[in-house]
């Protein structure tokens, strides 16, 4: 499968499970989109643990432009305050539209599970056709147990006995995947 086919299949499958996939040219564009989305939805706080210092400077500037508070640690104490959680996804699985997030840190788990909106930055070069194509990377990551990998396919969803589907009952109402193009 060509890389372009992988991107198209990933997008098709992710959108089938109610995720929003948007290509971005660089991390600065991703940070600006995450901050704008938060502000447009009435959020006041964006949680972004685990980013490098140079990336945080760009993210902080994007949040300041939108009038948002940025928090990077202490998320347990701030649970319920942050609207958006911004994380990096290590891989994407085209067959299912799933992102894989190495969530070894509790801060990353909280950002991706307790926010109203989860925004994940995924490098397009890290797309794989299926889980079999991801086997070596998963084995390598899991060799250093204990670890925590989150396989996320769309926003949180649950159904009741009458088969009424509800998004966001036990986690984010929305999942936005910002697909970073190669070379970035």
C-alpha atoms as a PDB file:
ATOM      1  CA  UNK A   1       0.000   0.000   0.000  1.00  0.00           C
ATOM      2  CA  UNK A   2       1.480   3.369  -0.989  1.00  0.00           C
ATOM      3  CA  UNK A   3       1.936   6.031   1.645  1.00  0.00           C
ATOM      4  CA  UNK A   4      -0.781   8.136   0.051  1.00  0.00           C
ATOM      5  CA  UNK A   5      -3.137   5.126   0.165  1.00  0.00           C
ATOM      6  CA  UNK A   6      -2.275   4.652   3.861  1.00  0.00           C
ATOM      7  CA  UNK A   7      -3.181   8.282   4.605  1.00  0.00           C
ATOM      8  CA  UNK A   8      -6.467   8.010   2.700  1.00  0.00           C
ATOM      9  CA  UNK A   9      -7.438   4.711   4.354  1.00  0.00           C
ATOM     10  CA  UNK A  10      -6.483   5.988   7.796  1.00  0.00           C
ATOM     11  CA  UNK A  11      -8.595   9.085   7.301  1.00  0.00           C
ATOM     12  CA  UNK A  12     -11.564   7.108   5.965  1.00  0.00           C
ATOM     13  CA  UNK A  13     -11.497   4.660   8.867  1.00  0.00           C
ATOM     14  CA  UNK A  14     -10.896   7.323  11.533  1.00  0.00           C
ATOM     15  CA  UNK A  15     -13.791   9.421  10.237  1.00  0.00           C
ATOM     16  CA  UNK A  16     -15.992   6.298  10.219  1.00  0.00           C
ATOM     17  CA  UNK A  17     -15.594   6.183  14.014  1.00  0.00           C
ATOM     18  CA  UNK A  18     -16.304   9.928  14.422  1.00  0.00           C
ATOM     19  CA  UNK A  19     -12.720  11.224  14.567  1.00  0.00           C
ATOM     20  CA  UNK A  20     -11.720  14.357  12.676  1.00  0.00           C
ATOM     21  CA  UNK A  21      -8.478  14.113  10.670  1.00  0.00           C
ATOM     22  CA  UNK A  22      -6.758  17.303   9.552  1.00  0.00           C
ATOM     23  CA  UNK A  23      -3.394  17.523   7.781  1.00  0.00           C
ATOM     24  CA  UNK A  24      -0.909  20.031   9.225  1.00  0.00           C
ATOM     25  CA  UNK A  25       2.398  21.249   7.826  1.00  0.00           C
ATOM     26  CA  UNK A  26       4.298  21.582  11.092  1.00  0.00           C
ATOM     27  CA  UNK A  27       3.887  21.432  14.886  1.00  0.00           C
ATOM     28  CA  UNK A  28       3.284  25.191  15.106  1.00  0.00           C
ATOM     29  CA  UNK A  29       0.226  24.826  12.857  1.00  0.00           C
ATOM     30  CA  UNK A  30      -0.955  21.898  14.986  1.00  0.00           C
ATOM     31  CA  UNK A  31      -0.611  23.917  18.190  1.00  0.00           C
ATOM     32  CA  UNK A  32      -2.459  26.862  16.657  1.00  0.00           C
ATOM     33  CA  UNK A  33      -5.303  24.553  15.541  1.00  0.00           C
ATOM     34  CA  UNK A  34      -5.569  22.944  18.983  1.00  0.00           C
ATOM     35  CA  UNK A  35      -5.673  26.323  20.718  1.00  0.00           C
ATOM     36  CA  UNK A  36      -8.203  27.750  18.226  1.00  0.00           C
ATOM     37  CA  UNK A  37     -10.454  24.686  18.574  1.00  0.00           C
ATOM     38  CA  UNK A  38     -10.364  25.019  22.360  1.00  0.00           C
ATOM     39  CA  UNK A  39     -11.260  28.718  22.240  1.00  0.00           C
ATOM     40  CA  UNK A  40     -13.988  28.234  19.617  1.00  0.00           C
ATOM     41  CA  UNK A  41     -15.653  25.635  21.848  1.00  0.00           C
ATOM     42  CA  UNK A  42     -15.558  27.900  24.883  1.00  0.00           C
ATOM     43  CA  UNK A  43     -12.682  26.172  26.655  1.00  0.00           C
ATOM     44  CA  UNK A  44     -10.345  28.157  28.859  1.00  0.00           C
ATOM     45  CA  UNK A  45      -7.610  25.622  29.524  1.00  0.00           C
ATOM     46  CA  UNK A  46      -5.526  23.248  27.404  1.00  0.00           C
ATOM     47  CA  UNK A  47      -3.541  20.375  28.959  1.00  0.00           C
ATOM     48  CA  UNK A  48      -0.388  19.325  27.122  1.00  0.00           C
ATOM     49  CA  UNK A  49       1.973  17.125  29.113  1.00  0.00           C
ATOM     50  CA  UNK A  50       5.102  15.513  27.708  1.00  0.00           C
ATOM     51  CA  UNK A  51       6.152  18.047  25.073  1.00  0.00           C
ATOM     52  CA  UNK A  52       9.756  19.196  24.577  1.00  0.00           C
ATOM     53  CA  UNK A  53      10.793  22.695  25.682  1.00  0.00           C
ATOM     54  CA  UNK A  54      11.052  24.113  22.148  1.00  0.00           C
ATOM     55  CA  UNK A  55       7.616  22.747  21.289  1.00  0.00           C
ATOM     56  CA  UNK A  56       6.158  24.127  24.515  1.00  0.00           C
ATOM     57  CA  UNK A  57       7.305  27.646  23.641  1.00  0.00           C
ATOM     58  CA  UNK A  58       5.347  27.471  20.372  1.00  0.00           C
ATOM     59  CA  UNK A  59       2.330  25.931  22.096  1.00  0.00           C
ATOM     60  CA  UNK A  60       2.387  28.534  24.859  1.00  0.00           C
ATOM     61  CA  UNK A  61       2.396  31.313  22.242  1.00  0.00           C
ATOM     62  CA  UNK A  62      -0.593  29.717  20.469  1.00  0.00           C
ATOM     63  CA  UNK A  63      -2.501  29.483  23.765  1.00  0.00           C
ATOM     64  CA  UNK A  64      -1.698  33.090  24.650  1.00  0.00           C
ATOM     65  CA  UNK A  65      -3.044  34.262  21.265  1.00  0.00           C
ATOM     66  CA  UNK A  66      -6.337  32.528  22.056  1.00  0.00           C
ATOM     67  CA  UNK A  67      -6.467  33.646  25.704  1.00  0.00           C
ATOM     68  CA  UNK A  68      -6.052  30.105  27.063  1.00  0.00           C
ATOM     69  CA  UNK A  69      -4.287  28.749  30.101  1.00  0.00           C
ATOM     70  CA  UNK A  70      -1.738  26.024  29.288  1.00  0.00           C
ATOM     71  CA  UNK A  71      -1.017  23.342  31.866  1.00  0.00           C
ATOM     72  CA  UNK A  72       1.657  20.689  31.443  1.00  0.00           C
ATOM     73  CA  UNK A  73       1.739  18.990  34.831  1.00  0.00           C
ATOM     74  CA  UNK A  74      -0.390  18.448  37.903  1.00  0.00           C
ATOM     75  CA  UNK A  75      -3.360  17.304  35.809  1.00  0.00           C
ATOM     76  CA  UNK A  76      -4.771  15.126  38.580  1.00  0.00           C
ATOM     77  CA  UNK A  77      -5.243  18.223  40.738  1.00  0.00           C
ATOM     78  CA  UNK A  78      -6.724  20.121  37.776  1.00  0.00           C
ATOM     79  CA  UNK A  79      -9.107  17.373  36.595  1.00  0.00           C
ATOM     80  CA  UNK A  80     -12.300  18.935  35.327  1.00  0.00           C
ATOM     81  CA  UNK A  81     -10.624  22.250  34.512  1.00  0.00           C
ATOM     82  CA  UNK A  82      -9.025  21.506  31.153  1.00  0.00           C
ATOM     83  CA  UNK A  83     -11.173  21.406  28.043  1.00  0.00           C
ATOM     84  CA  UNK A  84      -8.634  20.004  25.600  1.00  0.00           C
ATOM     85  CA  UNK A  85      -5.897  17.435  26.017  1.00  0.00           C
ATOM     86  CA  UNK A  86      -3.094  17.627  23.459  1.00  0.00           C
ATOM     87  CA  UNK A  87      -0.881  14.563  23.066  1.00  0.00           C
ATOM     88  CA  UNK A  88       1.451  13.027  20.533  1.00  0.00           C
ATOM     89  CA  UNK A  89       0.409   9.726  18.952  1.00  0.00           C
ATOM     90  CA  UNK A  90       3.292   7.377  18.246  1.00  0.00           C
ATOM     91  CA  UNK A  91       1.545   5.426  15.459  1.00  0.00           C
ATOM     92  CA  UNK A  92      -1.619   5.235  13.412  1.00  0.00           C
ATOM     93  CA  UNK A  93      -3.297   2.069  12.118  1.00  0.00           C
ATOM     94  CA  UNK A  94      -4.931   2.643   8.728  1.00  0.00           C
ATOM     95  CA  UNK A  95      -7.088  -0.491   8.805  1.00  0.00           C
ATOM     96  CA  UNK A  96      -9.057   0.753  11.840  1.00  0.00           C
ATOM     97  CA  UNK A  97      -8.344   4.498  12.003  1.00  0.00           C
ATOM     98  CA  UNK A  98      -6.752   3.897  15.398  1.00  0.00           C
ATOM     99  CA  UNK A  99      -4.017   5.972  17.006  1.00  0.00           C
ATOM    100  CA  UNK A 100      -1.544   4.428  19.429  1.00  0.00           C
ATOM    101  CA  UNK A 101      -0.395   6.673  22.270  1.00  0.00           C
ATOM    102  CA  UNK A 102       2.458   5.657  24.542  1.00  0.00           C
ATOM    103  CA  UNK A 103       0.843   6.742  27.793  1.00  0.00           C
ATOM    104  CA  UNK A 104       3.399   5.523  30.311  1.00  0.00           C
ATOM    105  CA  UNK A 105       2.965   8.786  32.212  1.00  0.00           C
ATOM    106  CA  UNK A 106      -0.204   9.355  34.209  1.00  0.00           C
ATOM    107  CA  UNK A 107      -0.227  12.941  32.954  1.00  0.00           C
ATOM    108  CA  UNK A 108      -0.589  11.719  29.346  1.00  0.00           C
ATOM    109  CA  UNK A 109      -3.379   9.329  30.311  1.00  0.00           C
ATOM    110  CA  UNK A 110      -5.267  12.089  32.094  1.00  0.00           C
ATOM    111  CA  UNK A 111      -4.897  14.494  29.156  1.00  0.00           C
ATOM    112  CA  UNK A 112      -6.252  11.940  26.703  1.00  0.00           C
ATOM    113  CA  UNK A 113      -9.057  10.576  28.888  1.00  0.00           C
ATOM    114  CA  UNK A 114     -10.379  13.423  31.047  1.00  0.00           C
ATOM    115  CA  UNK A 115     -10.598  16.199  28.485  1.00  0.00           C
ATOM    116  CA  UNK A 116     -13.730  17.152  26.587  1.00  0.00           C
ATOM    117  CA  UNK A 117     -11.681  17.105  23.385  1.00  0.00           C
ATOM    118  CA  UNK A 118      -8.587  15.024  22.696  1.00  0.00           C
ATOM    119  CA  UNK A 119      -6.260  16.402  20.025  1.00  0.00           C
ATOM    120  CA  UNK A 120      -3.459  14.080  18.923  1.00  0.00           C
ATOM    121  CA  UNK A 121      -0.533  14.965  16.693  1.00  0.00           C
ATOM    122  CA  UNK A 122       0.463  12.017  14.494  1.00  0.00           C
ATOM    123  CA  UNK A 123       3.379  12.028  12.068  1.00  0.00           C
ATOM    124  CA  UNK A 124       2.171  10.625   8.732  1.00  0.00           C
ATOM    125  CA  UNK A 125       5.375   8.576   8.385  1.00  0.00           C
ATOM    126  CA  UNK A 126       4.221   6.585  11.433  1.00  0.00           C
ATOM    127  CA  UNK A 127       1.107   5.229   9.731  1.00  0.00           C
ATOM    128  CA  UNK A 128       0.980   1.454   9.355  1.00  0.00           C
ATOM    129  CA  UNK A 129      -1.447  -0.620   7.303  1.00  0.00           C
ATOM    130  CA  UNK A 130      -2.546  -2.824  10.211  1.00  0.00           C
ATOM    131  CA  UNK A 131      -1.433  -4.097  13.632  1.00  0.00           C
ATOM    132  CA  UNK A 132       0.702  -6.798  12.028  1.00  0.00           C
ATOM    133  CA  UNK A 133       2.754  -4.079  10.331  1.00  0.00           C
ATOM    134  CA  UNK A 134       3.226  -2.457  13.738  1.00  0.00           C
ATOM    135  CA  UNK A 135       4.343  -5.650  15.491  1.00  0.00           C
ATOM    136  CA  UNK A 136       8.071  -4.859  15.755  1.00  0.00           C
ATOM    137  CA  UNK A 137       7.494  -1.373  17.153  1.00  0.00           C
ATOM    138  CA  UNK A 138       4.957  -2.678  19.681  1.00  0.00           C
ATOM    139  CA  UNK A 139       7.257  -5.512  20.776  1.00  0.00           C
ATOM    140  CA  UNK A 140      10.115  -3.055  21.233  1.00  0.00           C
ATOM    141  CA  UNK A 141       7.971  -0.640  23.219  1.00  0.00           C
ATOM    142  CA  UNK A 142       6.491  -3.356  25.412  1.00  0.00           C
ATOM    143  CA  UNK A 143       9.884  -4.977  26.118  1.00  0.00           C
ATOM    144  CA  UNK A 144      10.475  -2.305  28.756  1.00  0.00           C
ATOM    145  CA  UNK A 145       7.432  -3.242  30.844  1.00  0.00           C
ATOM    146  CA  UNK A 146       5.622  -2.014  32.702  1.00  0.00           C
ATOM    147  CA  UNK A 147       4.206   0.321  30.133  1.00  0.00           C
ATOM    148  CA  UNK A 148       0.909   1.670  28.987  1.00  0.00           C
ATOM    149  CA  UNK A 149      -0.190   1.933  25.385  1.00  0.00           C
ATOM    150  CA  UNK A 150      -3.572   3.400  24.565  1.00  0.00           C
ATOM    151  CA  UNK A 151      -5.241   2.277  21.328  1.00  0.00           C
ATOM    152  CA  UNK A 152      -7.761   5.008  20.563  1.00  0.00           C
ATOM    153  CA  UNK A 153     -10.387   4.680  17.831  1.00  0.00           C
ATOM    154  CA  UNK A 154     -12.607   7.749  17.821  1.00  0.00           C
ATOM    155  CA  UNK A 155     -14.062   9.602  20.789  1.00  0.00           C
ATOM    156  CA  UNK A 156     -15.384   7.827  23.870  1.00  0.00           C
ATOM    157  CA  UNK A 157     -18.600   5.994  23.109  1.00  0.00           C
ATOM    158  CA  UNK A 158     -21.082   3.837  24.946  1.00  0.00           C
ATOM    159  CA  UNK A 159     -24.463   2.334  24.167  1.00  0.00           C
ATOM    160  CA  UNK A 160     -27.325   1.511  26.483  1.00  0.00           C
ATOM    161  CA  UNK A 161     -29.584  -1.523  26.453  1.00  0.00           C
ATOM    162  CA  UNK A 162     -31.800   0.176  23.861  1.00  0.00           C
ATOM    163  CA  UNK A 163     -28.736   0.597  21.603  1.00  0.00           C
ATOM    164  CA  UNK A 164     -28.674   4.371  21.919  1.00  0.00           C
ATOM    165  CA  UNK A 165     -25.106   5.478  21.193  1.00  0.00           C
ATOM    166  CA  UNK A 166     -23.681   8.280  23.334  1.00  0.00           C
ATOM    167  CA  UNK A 167     -20.373   9.985  22.567  1.00  0.00           C
ATOM    168  CA  UNK A 168     -18.266  11.325  25.419  1.00  0.00           C
ATOM    169  CA  UNK A 169     -19.977   9.635  28.353  1.00  0.00           C
ATOM    170  CA  UNK A 170     -16.725   8.185  29.711  1.00  0.00           C
ATOM    171  CA  UNK A 171     -14.069  10.314  28.059  1.00  0.00           C
ATOM    172  CA  UNK A 172     -13.567  12.868  25.299  1.00  0.00           C
ATOM    173  CA  UNK A 173     -16.586  13.842  23.201  1.00  0.00           C
ATOM    174  CA  UNK A 174     -14.313  14.518  20.242  1.00  0.00           C
ATOM    175  CA  UNK A 175     -11.060  13.175  18.846  1.00  0.00           C
ATOM    176  CA  UNK A 176      -9.113  15.386  16.470  1.00  0.00           C
ATOM    177  CA  UNK A 177      -6.088  13.840  14.774  1.00  0.00           C
ATOM    178  CA  UNK A 178      -3.651  16.330  13.300  1.00  0.00           C
ATOM    179  CA  UNK A 179      -1.689  14.472  10.648  1.00  0.00           C
ATOM    180  CA  UNK A 180       1.797  15.943  10.346  1.00  0.00           C
ATOM    181  CA  UNK A 181       3.162  15.559   6.837  1.00  0.00           C
ATOM    182  CA  UNK A 182       6.568  14.004   6.167  1.00  0.00           C
ATOM    183  CA  UNK A 183       9.700  16.057   6.560  1.00  0.00           C
ATOM    184  CA  UNK A 184       8.281  18.009   9.475  1.00  0.00           C
END
